[in-house]
Amino acid sequence: MVDQARARKLAKRIGAIVATAIDHEIKDPRLSFVTVTDTKVTPDLHDATVYYTVRGETLDAEPDFQAAALGLEKAKGALRTKVGAGTGVRFTPTLTFRADTVPDTARHMEELLERARQIDDKVAQAAAGAQPAGDPDPYKVPRSDTDEL
């Protein structure tokens, strides 16, 4: 049976090792704006997927995902060696790098929520000056016995 806690610990450790190595030891300029966001390890501990994001040189600059992917692919062997030395497991997991889509999805969700807020504001403005189509109180009031006298 697979120990899920061990897989989570190993994934966390691999993420820390890869992030530190990218930041301090790998001297590829394509990796200067790469951030490791998450790491997943298969239950058999033989494969690890490292998720990363890339930011631009400035806030307005578009990130270069292709150059970062090529840089990570080139550094994969050195990073796997660092992971093997840093974890001490019998079999060093193979590393797979995937661009993390969570920030893009979150940005898209924020845009959708903003659009919904704008539509709600338009509806509220239209409803502010609206009048009922029929009687002001369209519900019939039940008669009481005192009304007939």
N, C-alpha and C. Protein backbone atom coordinates (compact mmCIF):
# COMPACT_ATOMS: atom_id res chain seq x y z
N MET A 1 0.84 -1.19 0.00
CA MET A 1 0.00 0.00 0.00
C MET A 1 0.88 1.24 0.00
N VAL A 2 0.45 2.27 -0.68
CA VAL A 2 1.22 3.48 -0.84
C VAL A 2 0.95 4.42 0.33
N ASP A 3 2.00 5.02 0.82
CA ASP A 3 1.88 5.97 1.92
C ASP A 3 1.71 7.37 1.33
N GLN A 4 0.47 7.89 1.39
CA GLN A 4 0.18 9.19 0.80
C GLN A 4 0.94 10.32 1.50
N ALA A 5 1.12 10.18 2.80
CA ALA A 5 1.85 11.21 3.54
C ALA A 5 3.30 11.29 3.05
N ARG A 6 3.89 10.15 2.78
CA ARG A 6 5.27 10.13 2.29
C ARG A 6 5.35 10.77 0.90
N ALA A 7 4.37 10.49 0.05
CA ALA A 7 4.35 11.09 -1.28
C ALA A 7 4.21 12.61 -1.19
N ARG A 8 3.37 13.09 -0.28
CA ARG A 8 3.20 14.55 -0.11
C ARG A 8 4.48 15.19 0.41
N LYS A 9 5.14 14.54 1.37
CA LYS A 9 6.39 15.08 1.90
C LYS A 9 7.47 15.12 0.83
N LEU A 10 7.54 14.05 0.05
CA LEU A 10 8.54 14.00 -1.02
C LEU A 10 8.24 15.07 -2.07
N ALA A 11 6.99 15.26 -2.40
CA ALA A 11 6.62 16.29 -3.38
C ALA A 11 7.00 17.68 -2.87
N LYS A 12 6.75 17.93 -1.61
CA LYS A 12 7.10 19.22 -1.03
C LYS A 12 8.61 19.44 -1.06
N ARG A 13 9.35 18.39 -0.72
CA ARG A 13 10.82 18.47 -0.70
C ARG A 13 11.37 18.66 -2.11
N ILE A 14 10.81 17.95 -3.09
CA ILE A 14 11.26 18.10 -4.47
C ILE A 14 11.01 19.53 -4.96
N GLY A 15 9.84 20.07 -4.65
CA GLY A 15 9.53 21.44 -5.04
C GLY A 15 10.51 22.44 -4.46
N ALA A 16 10.86 22.26 -3.19
CA ALA A 16 11.81 23.16 -2.55
C ALA A 16 13.20 23.04 -3.17
N ILE A 17 13.63 21.82 -3.44
CA ILE A 17 14.95 21.61 -4.03
C ILE A 17 15.02 22.22 -5.43
N VAL A 18 14.00 21.98 -6.24
CA VAL A 18 13.99 22.50 -7.61
C VAL A 18 13.95 24.03 -7.59
N ALA A 19 13.12 24.60 -6.73
CA ALA A 19 13.02 26.06 -6.66
C ALA A 19 14.35 26.68 -6.23
N THR A 20 14.99 26.10 -5.24
CA THR A 20 16.27 26.61 -4.77
C THR A 20 17.34 26.47 -5.85
N ALA A 21 17.36 25.33 -6.53
CA ALA A 21 18.35 25.11 -7.58
C ALA A 21 18.15 26.08 -8.74
N ILE A 22 16.90 26.31 -9.12
CA ILE A 22 16.63 27.27 -10.21
C ILE A 22 17.07 28.66 -9.81
N ASP A 23 16.83 29.02 -8.57
CA ASP A 23 17.12 30.36 -8.09
C ASP A 23 18.62 30.60 -7.90
N HIS A 24 19.35 29.59 -7.37
CA HIS A 24 20.74 29.83 -6.96
C HIS A 24 21.79 29.08 -7.76
N GLU A 25 21.48 27.94 -8.33
CA GLU A 25 22.52 27.10 -8.90
C GLU A 25 22.49 27.00 -10.42
N ILE A 26 21.33 27.01 -11.02
CA ILE A 26 21.22 26.92 -12.48
C ILE A 26 21.39 28.34 -13.03
N LYS A 27 22.35 28.52 -13.88
CA LYS A 27 22.69 29.86 -14.38
C LYS A 27 22.14 30.12 -15.77
N ASP A 28 20.94 29.66 -16.03
CA ASP A 28 20.30 29.89 -17.32
C ASP A 28 19.44 31.14 -17.22
N PRO A 29 19.70 32.16 -18.03
CA PRO A 29 18.90 33.40 -17.92
C PRO A 29 17.43 33.20 -18.28
N ARG A 30 17.09 32.13 -19.00
CA ARG A 30 15.69 31.88 -19.33
C ARG A 30 14.89 31.49 -18.09
N LEU A 31 15.58 31.07 -17.04
CA LEU A 31 14.90 30.61 -15.82
C LEU A 31 14.86 31.68 -14.73
N SER A 32 15.29 32.89 -15.05
CA SER A 32 15.36 33.92 -14.01
C SER A 32 13.99 34.38 -13.54
N PHE A 33 12.94 34.17 -14.33
CA PHE A 33 11.61 34.60 -13.94
C PHE A 33 10.65 33.43 -13.74
N VAL A 34 11.19 32.24 -13.48
CA VAL A 34 10.38 31.04 -13.25
C VAL A 34 10.15 30.87 -11.76
N THR A 35 8.92 30.56 -11.39
CA THR A 35 8.57 30.30 -10.00
C THR A 35 7.89 28.94 -9.92
N VAL A 36 8.38 28.08 -9.03
CA VAL A 36 7.77 26.77 -8.81
C VAL A 36 6.55 26.97 -7.94
N THR A 37 5.38 26.50 -8.40
CA THR A 37 4.14 26.71 -7.64
C THR A 37 3.65 25.46 -6.93
N ASP A 38 3.88 24.29 -7.51
CA ASP A 38 3.37 23.06 -6.91
C ASP A 38 4.15 21.88 -7.46
N THR A 39 4.11 20.79 -6.73
CA THR A 39 4.76 19.55 -7.16
C THR A 39 3.86 18.39 -6.78
N LYS A 40 3.70 17.47 -7.71
CA LYS A 40 2.92 16.26 -7.46
C LYS A 40 3.81 15.06 -7.74
N VAL A 41 3.69 14.04 -6.91
CA VAL A 41 4.46 12.81 -7.07
C VAL A 41 3.47 11.66 -7.24
N THR A 42 3.76 10.76 -8.17
CA THR A 42 2.90 9.60 -8.36
C THR A 42 2.97 8.71 -7.13
N PRO A 43 1.95 7.89 -6.90
CA PRO A 43 1.94 7.04 -5.69
C PRO A 43 3.13 6.09 -5.59
N ASP A 44 3.70 5.67 -6.72
CA ASP A 44 4.86 4.78 -6.65
C ASP A 44 6.17 5.54 -6.47
N LEU A 45 6.12 6.87 -6.37
CA LEU A 45 7.26 7.76 -6.13
C LEU A 45 8.28 7.74 -7.26
N HIS A 46 7.89 7.34 -8.46
CA HIS A 46 8.83 7.26 -9.57
C HIS A 46 8.77 8.46 -10.50
N ASP A 47 7.68 9.20 -10.48
CA ASP A 47 7.53 10.36 -11.36
C ASP A 47 7.06 11.56 -10.55
N ALA A 48 7.66 12.70 -10.86
CA ALA A 48 7.26 13.95 -10.20
C ALA A 48 6.92 14.97 -11.27
N THR A 49 5.82 15.67 -11.08
CA THR A 49 5.42 16.75 -11.97
C THR A 49 5.58 18.06 -11.22
N VAL A 50 6.38 18.94 -11.78
CA VAL A 50 6.65 20.24 -11.16
C VAL A 50 5.89 21.29 -11.95
N TYR A 51 5.01 22.02 -11.28
CA TYR A 51 4.23 23.08 -11.91
C TYR A 51 4.93 24.41 -11.67
N TYR A 52 4.96 25.25 -12.69
CA TYR A 52 5.67 26.51 -12.58
C TYR A 52 4.89 27.62 -13.28
N THR A 53 5.19 28.85 -12.89
CA THR A 53 4.67 30.02 -13.57
C THR A 53 5.86 30.86 -14.02
N VAL A 54 5.61 31.70 -14.99
CA VAL A 54 6.65 32.59 -15.52
C VAL A 54 6.09 33.99 -15.50
N ARG A 55 6.88 34.93 -15.02
CA ARG A 55 6.44 36.32 -15.08
C ARG A 55 7.34 37.08 -16.04
N GLY A 56 6.89 38.20 -16.50
CA GLY A 56 7.67 39.02 -17.42
C GLY A 56 8.73 39.81 -16.68
N GLU A 57 9.63 40.40 -17.43
CA GLU A 57 10.70 41.20 -16.82
C GLU A 57 10.13 42.41 -16.09
N THR A 58 9.03 42.96 -16.61
CA THR A 58 8.33 44.04 -15.93
C THR A 58 6.88 43.62 -15.77
N LEU A 59 6.11 44.43 -15.08
CA LEU A 59 4.70 44.10 -14.87
C LEU A 59 3.91 44.08 -16.18
N ASP A 60 4.30 44.92 -17.12
CA ASP A 60 3.58 45.01 -18.38
C ASP A 60 4.10 44.04 -19.44
N ALA A 61 5.29 43.48 -19.22
CA ALA A 61 5.90 42.60 -20.22
C ALA A 61 5.22 41.24 -20.21
N GLU A 62 5.08 40.68 -21.39
CA GLU A 62 4.49 39.34 -21.55
C GLU A 62 5.54 38.29 -21.19
N PRO A 63 5.20 37.30 -20.35
CA PRO A 63 6.17 36.27 -20.01
C PRO A 63 6.51 35.38 -21.20
N ASP A 64 7.74 34.90 -21.24
CA ASP A 64 8.20 34.04 -22.33
C ASP A 64 8.12 32.58 -21.87
N PHE A 65 6.94 31.97 -22.06
CA PHE A 65 6.72 30.60 -21.60
C PHE A 65 7.56 29.60 -22.39
N GLN A 66 7.74 29.84 -23.66
CA GLN A 66 8.48 28.89 -24.49
C GLN A 66 9.96 28.84 -24.09
N ALA A 67 10.56 29.99 -23.85
CA ALA A 67 11.97 30.01 -23.43
C ALA A 67 12.13 29.35 -22.06
N ALA A 68 11.18 29.60 -21.16
CA ALA A 68 11.26 28.98 -19.84
C ALA A 68 11.13 27.47 -19.94
N ALA A 69 10.22 26.99 -20.79
CA ALA A 69 10.06 25.54 -20.97
C ALA A 69 11.33 24.92 -21.54
N LEU A 70 11.95 25.60 -22.51
CA LEU A 70 13.20 25.09 -23.07
C LEU A 70 14.32 25.08 -22.03
N GLY A 71 14.38 26.13 -21.22
CA GLY A 71 15.39 26.19 -20.17
C GLY A 71 15.21 25.10 -19.13
N LEU A 72 13.97 24.84 -18.74
CA LEU A 72 13.70 23.77 -17.78
C LEU A 72 14.03 22.40 -18.37
N GLU A 73 13.72 22.23 -19.64
CA GLU A 73 14.00 20.95 -20.30
C GLU A 73 15.51 20.72 -20.37
N LYS A 74 16.26 21.77 -20.62
CA LYS A 74 17.72 21.65 -20.69
C LYS A 74 18.31 21.37 -19.31
N ALA A 75 17.74 21.95 -18.27
CA ALA A 75 18.27 21.79 -16.92
C ALA A 75 17.69 20.57 -16.20
N LYS A 76 16.86 19.80 -16.86
CA LYS A 76 16.17 18.68 -16.22
C LYS A 76 17.14 17.68 -15.59
N GLY A 77 18.22 17.34 -16.28
CA GLY A 77 19.19 16.38 -15.75
C GLY A 77 19.88 16.88 -14.50
N ALA A 78 20.32 18.14 -14.54
CA ALA A 78 20.98 18.71 -13.36
C ALA A 78 20.00 18.82 -12.20
N LEU A 79 18.77 19.18 -12.49
CA LEU A 79 17.77 19.29 -11.42
C LEU A 79 17.46 17.92 -10.83
N ARG A 80 17.39 16.90 -11.66
CA ARG A 80 17.13 15.54 -11.16
C ARG A 80 18.29 15.07 -10.28
N THR A 81 19.51 15.42 -10.66
CA THR A 81 20.67 15.08 -9.83
C THR A 81 20.57 15.76 -8.47
N LYS A 82 20.19 17.03 -8.46
CA LYS A 82 20.02 17.77 -7.19
C LYS A 82 18.92 17.14 -6.34
N VAL A 83 17.82 16.73 -6.99
CA VAL A 83 16.72 16.10 -6.26
C VAL A 83 17.19 14.78 -5.65
N GLY A 84 17.93 13.99 -6.42
CA GLY A 84 18.44 12.71 -5.90
C GLY A 84 19.35 12.89 -4.71
N ALA A 85 20.22 13.89 -4.78
CA ALA A 85 21.13 14.15 -3.66
C ALA A 85 20.39 14.73 -2.45
N GLY A 86 19.36 15.50 -2.71
CA GLY A 86 18.65 16.17 -1.62
C GLY A 86 17.59 15.34 -0.94
N THR A 87 17.08 14.32 -1.61
CA THR A 87 16.01 13.54 -0.99
C THR A 87 16.50 12.24 -0.37
N GLY A 88 17.49 11.62 -0.97
CA GLY A 88 18.02 10.38 -0.41
C GLY A 88 17.12 9.18 -0.61
N VAL A 89 16.21 9.23 -1.58
CA VAL A 89 15.36 8.07 -1.85
C VAL A 89 16.11 7.09 -2.75
N ARG A 90 15.66 5.86 -2.76
CA ARG A 90 16.34 4.82 -3.52
C ARG A 90 16.28 5.10 -5.03
N PHE A 91 15.12 5.49 -5.50
CA PHE A 91 14.93 5.79 -6.91
C PHE A 91 14.59 7.26 -7.04
N THR A 92 15.43 8.01 -7.75
CA THR A 92 15.17 9.43 -7.94
C THR A 92 14.05 9.59 -8.97
N PRO A 93 12.99 10.29 -8.62
CA PRO A 93 11.86 10.44 -9.55
C PRO A 93 12.26 11.18 -10.82
N THR A 94 11.66 10.80 -11.92
CA THR A 94 11.84 11.56 -13.15
C THR A 94 11.04 12.85 -13.02
N LEU A 95 11.55 13.91 -13.59
CA LEU A 95 10.91 15.22 -13.47
C LEU A 95 10.20 15.60 -14.77
N THR A 96 8.99 16.07 -14.62
CA THR A 96 8.21 16.60 -15.74
C THR A 96 7.79 18.01 -15.34
N PHE A 97 7.98 18.95 -16.24
CA PHE A 97 7.63 20.33 -15.95
C PHE A 97 6.38 20.72 -16.74
N ARG A 98 5.42 21.34 -16.03
CA ARG A 98 4.18 21.79 -16.66
C ARG A 98 3.91 23.23 -16.22
N ALA A 99 3.51 24.03 -17.18
CA ALA A 99 3.12 25.41 -16.86
C ALA A 99 1.84 25.37 -16.04
N ASP A 100 1.81 26.12 -14.97
CA ASP A 100 0.66 26.16 -14.06
C ASP A 100 -0.40 27.07 -14.64
N THR A 101 -1.61 26.56 -14.80
CA THR A 101 -2.69 27.35 -15.38
C THR A 101 -3.59 27.99 -14.33
N VAL A 102 -3.32 27.76 -13.07
CA VAL A 102 -4.18 28.31 -12.01
C VAL A 102 -4.21 29.84 -12.03
N PRO A 103 -3.08 30.53 -12.18
CA PRO A 103 -3.17 32.00 -12.21
C PRO A 103 -4.01 32.52 -13.39
N ASP A 104 -3.88 31.89 -14.55
CA ASP A 104 -4.69 32.31 -15.70
C ASP A 104 -6.16 32.05 -15.46
N THR A 105 -6.47 30.90 -14.87
CA THR A 105 -7.86 30.58 -14.57
C THR A 105 -8.42 31.55 -13.53
N ALA A 106 -7.64 31.88 -12.53
CA ALA A 106 -8.09 32.84 -11.51
C ALA A 106 -8.33 34.22 -12.12
N ARG A 107 -7.45 34.63 -13.02
CA ARG A 107 -7.61 35.92 -13.69
C ARG A 107 -8.89 35.91 -14.53
N HIS A 108 -9.14 34.82 -15.23
CA HIS A 108 -10.35 34.71 -16.05
C HIS A 108 -11.60 34.75 -15.17
N MET A 109 -11.56 34.07 -14.02
CA MET A 109 -12.70 34.08 -13.10
C MET A 109 -12.94 35.49 -12.56
N GLU A 110 -11.88 36.22 -12.26
CA GLU A 110 -12.03 37.60 -11.78
C GLU A 110 -12.67 38.47 -12.86
N GLU A 111 -12.28 38.26 -14.13
CA GLU A 111 -12.89 39.02 -15.21
C GLU A 111 -14.38 38.71 -15.34
N LEU A 112 -14.73 37.43 -15.22
CA LEU A 112 -16.14 37.04 -15.28
C LEU A 112 -16.94 37.64 -14.13
N LEU A 113 -16.37 37.63 -12.93
CA LEU A 113 -17.05 38.21 -11.78
C LEU A 113 -17.23 39.72 -11.95
N GLU A 114 -16.23 40.39 -12.50
CA GLU A 114 -16.34 41.83 -12.74
C GLU A 114 -17.43 42.13 -13.76
N ARG A 115 -17.50 41.31 -14.81
CA ARG A 115 -18.55 41.49 -15.82
C ARG A 115 -19.93 41.27 -15.19
N ALA A 116 -20.06 40.28 -14.31
CA ALA A 116 -21.34 40.02 -13.63
C ALA A 116 -21.71 41.19 -12.72
N ARG A 117 -20.71 41.78 -12.05
CA ARG A 117 -20.98 42.95 -11.20
C ARG A 117 -21.48 44.12 -12.04
N GLN A 118 -20.89 44.34 -13.20
CA GLN A 118 -21.32 45.43 -14.07
C GLN A 118 -22.76 45.22 -14.55
N ILE A 119 -23.09 44.00 -14.90
CA ILE A 119 -24.46 43.69 -15.34
C ILE A 119 -25.43 43.89 -14.18
N ASP A 120 -25.05 43.46 -12.98
CA ASP A 120 -25.90 43.66 -11.81
C ASP A 120 -26.12 45.15 -11.53
N ASP A 121 -25.08 45.96 -11.73
CA ASP A 121 -25.23 47.41 -11.53
C ASP A 121 -26.20 48.00 -12.53
N LYS A 122 -26.13 47.55 -13.80
CA LYS A 122 -27.06 48.04 -14.82
C LYS A 122 -28.50 47.66 -14.47
N VAL A 123 -28.69 46.45 -13.99
CA VAL A 123 -30.03 46.00 -13.60
C VAL A 123 -30.53 46.81 -12.41
N ALA A 124 -29.66 47.08 -11.45
CA ALA A 124 -30.06 47.87 -10.27
C ALA A 124 -30.42 49.30 -10.68
N GLN A 125 -29.68 49.88 -11.63
CA GLN A 125 -30.00 51.22 -12.10
C GLN A 125 -31.35 51.24 -12.83
N ALA A 126 -31.61 50.23 -13.64
CA ALA A 126 -32.89 50.15 -14.35
C ALA A 126 -34.04 49.94 -13.37
N ALA A 127 -33.82 49.19 -12.31
CA ALA A 127 -34.87 48.91 -11.35
C ALA A 127 -35.11 50.08 -10.40
N ALA A 128 -34.16 51.00 -10.30
CA ALA A 128 -34.30 52.10 -9.35
C ALA A 128 -35.48 53.01 -9.70
N GLY A 129 -35.71 53.29 -10.97
CA GLY A 129 -36.79 54.18 -11.35
C GLY A 129 -38.01 53.44 -11.89
N ALA A 130 -38.07 52.17 -11.74
CA ALA A 130 -39.16 51.38 -12.32
C ALA A 130 -40.41 51.47 -11.45
N GLN A 131 -41.56 51.40 -12.13
CA GLN A 131 -42.86 51.39 -11.46
C GLN A 131 -43.51 50.03 -11.69
N PRO A 132 -44.32 49.56 -10.75
CA PRO A 132 -45.02 48.29 -10.99
C PRO A 132 -45.99 48.43 -12.16
N ALA A 133 -46.20 47.35 -12.89
CA ALA A 133 -47.07 47.38 -14.08
C ALA A 133 -48.55 47.45 -13.70
N GLY A 134 -48.93 46.90 -12.60
CA GLY A 134 -50.33 46.90 -12.20
C GLY A 134 -50.54 47.73 -10.96
N ASP A 135 -51.40 47.23 -10.08
CA ASP A 135 -51.65 47.90 -8.80
C ASP A 135 -50.37 47.92 -7.98
N PRO A 136 -50.24 48.92 -7.13
CA PRO A 136 -49.05 48.95 -6.28
C PRO A 136 -48.97 47.71 -5.37
N ASP A 137 -50.13 47.20 -4.95
CA ASP A 137 -50.16 45.99 -4.14
C ASP A 137 -51.01 44.97 -4.88
N PRO A 138 -50.42 44.08 -5.65
CA PRO A 138 -51.20 43.17 -6.48
C PRO A 138 -51.85 42.04 -5.70
N TYR A 139 -51.60 41.92 -4.44
CA TYR A 139 -52.13 40.80 -3.66
C TYR A 139 -53.46 41.22 -3.02
N LYS A 140 -54.41 40.33 -3.06
CA LYS A 140 -55.70 40.61 -2.45
C LYS A 140 -55.58 40.49 -0.95
N VAL A 141 -56.21 41.40 -0.28
CA VAL A 141 -56.20 41.39 1.18
C VAL A 141 -57.40 40.58 1.63
N PRO A 142 -57.24 39.63 2.48
CA PRO A 142 -58.41 38.84 2.95
C PRO A 142 -59.37 39.72 3.73
N ARG A 143 -60.63 39.47 3.52
CA ARG A 143 -61.66 40.24 4.24
C ARG A 143 -61.74 39.76 5.67
N SER A 144 -62.03 40.69 6.49
CA SER A 144 -62.25 40.34 7.88
C SER A 144 -63.74 40.55 8.21
N ASP A 145 -64.18 40.02 9.28
CA ASP A 145 -65.59 40.13 9.67
C ASP A 145 -65.96 41.57 10.02
N THR A 146 -65.05 42.39 10.41
CA THR A 146 -65.37 43.76 10.82
C THR A 146 -65.56 44.67 9.62
N ASP A 147 -65.07 44.27 8.42
CA ASP A 147 -65.21 45.10 7.24
C ASP A 147 -66.65 45.18 6.78
N GLU A 148 -67.45 44.13 6.97
CA GLU A 148 -68.81 44.09 6.48
C GLU A 148 -69.77 44.92 7.32
N LEU A 149 -69.50 45.21 8.51
CA LEU A 149 -70.42 45.96 9.37
C LEU A 149 -70.41 47.38 9.09
